[in-house]
Amino acid sequence: MRIQLVNKFVVLGIPCVVLGQSLGYGVLLYLLSLLERITEEWGLRLRLFALPFLTQDSPIAQVLIYTVPSRRARRPGDLA
């Protein structure tokens, strides 16, 4: 019974960690894209984070644009 309980925590915990990590990376990339815009593309006209084909008007949509591909890249089989 104890092993089944630990198994449940692992099965439920890994997706939560992956989702949290993906969301964290999405927010970080969004903040870096804001910094890039404020500094006028690092003063060199060099775009690393605010790429034209990824840019959205809504901050929530922008975070999702960065989060979803990161989430899709992390499947349970990728953890091994």
C-alpha atoms as a PDB file:
ATOM      1  CA  MET A   1       0.000   0.000   0.000  1.00  0.00           C
ATOM      2  CA  ARG A   2       2.820   2.388   0.797  1.00  0.00           C
ATOM      3  CA  ILE A   3       4.445   1.828  -2.592  1.00  0.00           C
ATOM      4  CA  GLN A   4       1.158   2.630  -4.338  1.00  0.00           C
ATOM      5  CA  LEU A   5       0.914   5.914  -2.425  1.00  0.00           C
ATOM      6  CA  VAL A   6       4.464   6.884  -3.398  1.00  0.00           C
ATOM      7  CA  ASN A   7       3.680   5.907  -6.982  1.00  0.00           C
ATOM      8  CA  LYS A   8       0.663   8.247  -6.985  1.00  0.00           C
ATOM      9  CA  PHE A   9       2.813  11.137  -5.776  1.00  0.00           C
ATOM     10  CA  VAL A  10       5.350  10.498  -8.529  1.00  0.00           C
ATOM     11  CA  VAL A  11       2.697  10.160 -11.226  1.00  0.00           C
ATOM     12  CA  LEU A  12       0.951  13.356 -10.129  1.00  0.00           C
ATOM     13  CA  GLY A  13       4.092  15.275  -9.168  1.00  0.00           C
ATOM     14  CA  ILE A  14       6.117  14.983 -12.372  1.00  0.00           C
ATOM     15  CA  PRO A  15       3.512  16.677 -14.606  1.00  0.00           C
ATOM     16  CA  CYS A  16       3.127  19.472 -12.042  1.00  0.00           C
ATOM     17  CA  VAL A  17       6.879  20.066 -11.961  1.00  0.00           C
ATOM     18  CA  VAL A  18       7.103  20.029 -15.761  1.00  0.00           C
ATOM     19  CA  LEU A  19       4.201  22.471 -16.088  1.00  0.00           C
ATOM     20  CA  GLY A  20       5.678  24.780 -13.455  1.00  0.00           C
ATOM     21  CA  GLN A  21       9.089  24.702 -15.082  1.00  0.00           C
ATOM     22  CA  SER A  22       7.627  25.414 -18.526  1.00  0.00           C
ATOM     23  CA  LEU A  23       5.575  28.301 -17.155  1.00  0.00           C
ATOM     24  CA  GLY A  24       8.646  29.661 -15.369  1.00  0.00           C
ATOM     25  CA  TYR A  25      10.655  29.578 -18.600  1.00  0.00           C
ATOM     26  CA  GLY A  26       7.769  31.262 -20.432  1.00  0.00           C
ATOM     27  CA  VAL A  27       7.687  34.131 -17.942  1.00  0.00           C
ATOM     28  CA  LEU A  28      11.485  34.444 -18.018  1.00  0.00           C
ATOM     29  CA  LEU A  29      11.541  34.612 -21.811  1.00  0.00           C
ATOM     30  CA  TYR A  30       8.743  37.196 -21.751  1.00  0.00           C
ATOM     31  CA  LEU A  31      10.706  39.374 -19.305  1.00  0.00           C
ATOM     32  CA  LEU A  32      13.825  39.057 -21.445  1.00  0.00           C
ATOM     33  CA  SER A  33      11.853  40.092 -24.533  1.00  0.00           C
ATOM     34  CA  LEU A  34      10.593  43.167 -22.634  1.00  0.00           C
ATOM     35  CA  LEU A  35      14.161  44.025 -21.643  1.00  0.00           C
ATOM     36  CA  GLU A  36      15.224  43.594 -25.246  1.00  0.00           C
ATOM     37  CA  ARG A  37      12.548  46.060 -26.413  1.00  0.00           C
ATOM     38  CA  ILE A  38      13.446  48.586 -23.697  1.00  0.00           C
ATOM     39  CA  THR A  39      17.137  48.533 -24.640  1.00  0.00           C
ATOM     40  CA  GLU A  40      16.235  48.847 -28.330  1.00  0.00           C
ATOM     41  CA  GLU A  41      17.441  45.349 -29.142  1.00  0.00           C
ATOM     42  CA  TRP A  42      20.509  45.519 -26.901  1.00  0.00           C
ATOM     43  CA  GLY A  43      21.692  48.673 -28.694  1.00  0.00           C
ATOM     44  CA  LEU A  44      22.906  46.536 -31.599  1.00  0.00           C
ATOM     45  CA  ARG A  45      19.622  45.818 -33.414  1.00  0.00           C
ATOM     46  CA  LEU A  46      20.083  42.222 -32.361  1.00  0.00           C
ATOM     47  CA  ARG A  47      16.874  40.271 -31.672  1.00  0.00           C
ATOM     48  CA  LEU A  48      17.144  37.198 -29.500  1.00  0.00           C
ATOM     49  CA  PHE A  49      13.831  36.992 -27.658  1.00  0.00           C
ATOM     50  CA  ALA A  50      11.348  39.373 -29.349  1.00  0.00           C
ATOM     51  CA  LEU A  51      11.334  37.651 -32.717  1.00  0.00           C
ATOM     52  CA  PRO A  52       8.805  39.118 -35.182  1.00  0.00           C
ATOM     53  CA  PHE A  53       6.952  35.841 -35.818  1.00  0.00           C
ATOM     54  CA  LEU A  54       6.564  35.180 -32.064  1.00  0.00           C
ATOM     55  CA  THR A  55       5.506  38.661 -30.949  1.00  0.00           C
ATOM     56  CA  GLN A  56       1.969  39.064 -29.580  1.00  0.00           C
ATOM     57  CA  ASP A  57       0.165  42.162 -28.292  1.00  0.00           C
ATOM     58  CA  SER A  58      -1.182  40.557 -25.121  1.00  0.00           C
ATOM     59  CA  PRO A  59       1.301  39.689 -22.333  1.00  0.00           C
ATOM     60  CA  ILE A  60      -0.682  36.535 -21.481  1.00  0.00           C
ATOM     61  CA  ALA A  61      -0.620  35.379 -25.104  1.00  0.00           C
ATOM     62  CA  GLN A  62       3.110  36.113 -25.270  1.00  0.00           C
ATOM     63  CA  VAL A  63       3.821  33.994 -22.180  1.00  0.00           C
ATOM     64  CA  LEU A  64       1.732  31.160 -23.671  1.00  0.00           C
ATOM     65  CA  ILE A  65       3.644  31.425 -26.955  1.00  0.00           C
ATOM     66  CA  TYR A  66       6.854  30.829 -25.005  1.00  0.00           C
ATOM     67  CA  THR A  67       5.391  28.227 -22.612  1.00  0.00           C
ATOM     68  CA  VAL A  68       3.554  25.800 -24.915  1.00  0.00           C
ATOM     69  CA  PRO A  69       6.548  24.721 -27.064  1.00  0.00           C
ATOM     70  CA  SER A  70       8.602  24.291 -23.897  1.00  0.00           C
ATOM     71  CA  ARG A  71       5.820  22.134 -22.421  1.00  0.00           C
ATOM     72  CA  ARG A  72       5.477  20.042 -25.581  1.00  0.00           C
ATOM     73  CA  ALA A  73       9.208  19.291 -25.546  1.00  0.00           C
ATOM     74  CA  ARG A  74       8.990  17.705 -22.107  1.00  0.00           C
ATOM     75  CA  ARG A  75       7.170  14.406 -22.190  1.00  0.00           C
ATOM     76  CA  PRO A  76       7.416  11.851 -19.374  1.00  0.00           C
ATOM     77  CA  GLY A  77       9.673   9.685 -21.522  1.00  0.00           C
ATOM     78  CA  ASP A  78      12.118  12.587 -21.878  1.00  0.00           C
ATOM     79  CA  LEU A  79      12.904  12.518 -18.164  1.00  0.00           C
ATOM     80  CA  ALA A  80      14.843   9.266 -18.403  1.00  0.00           C
END
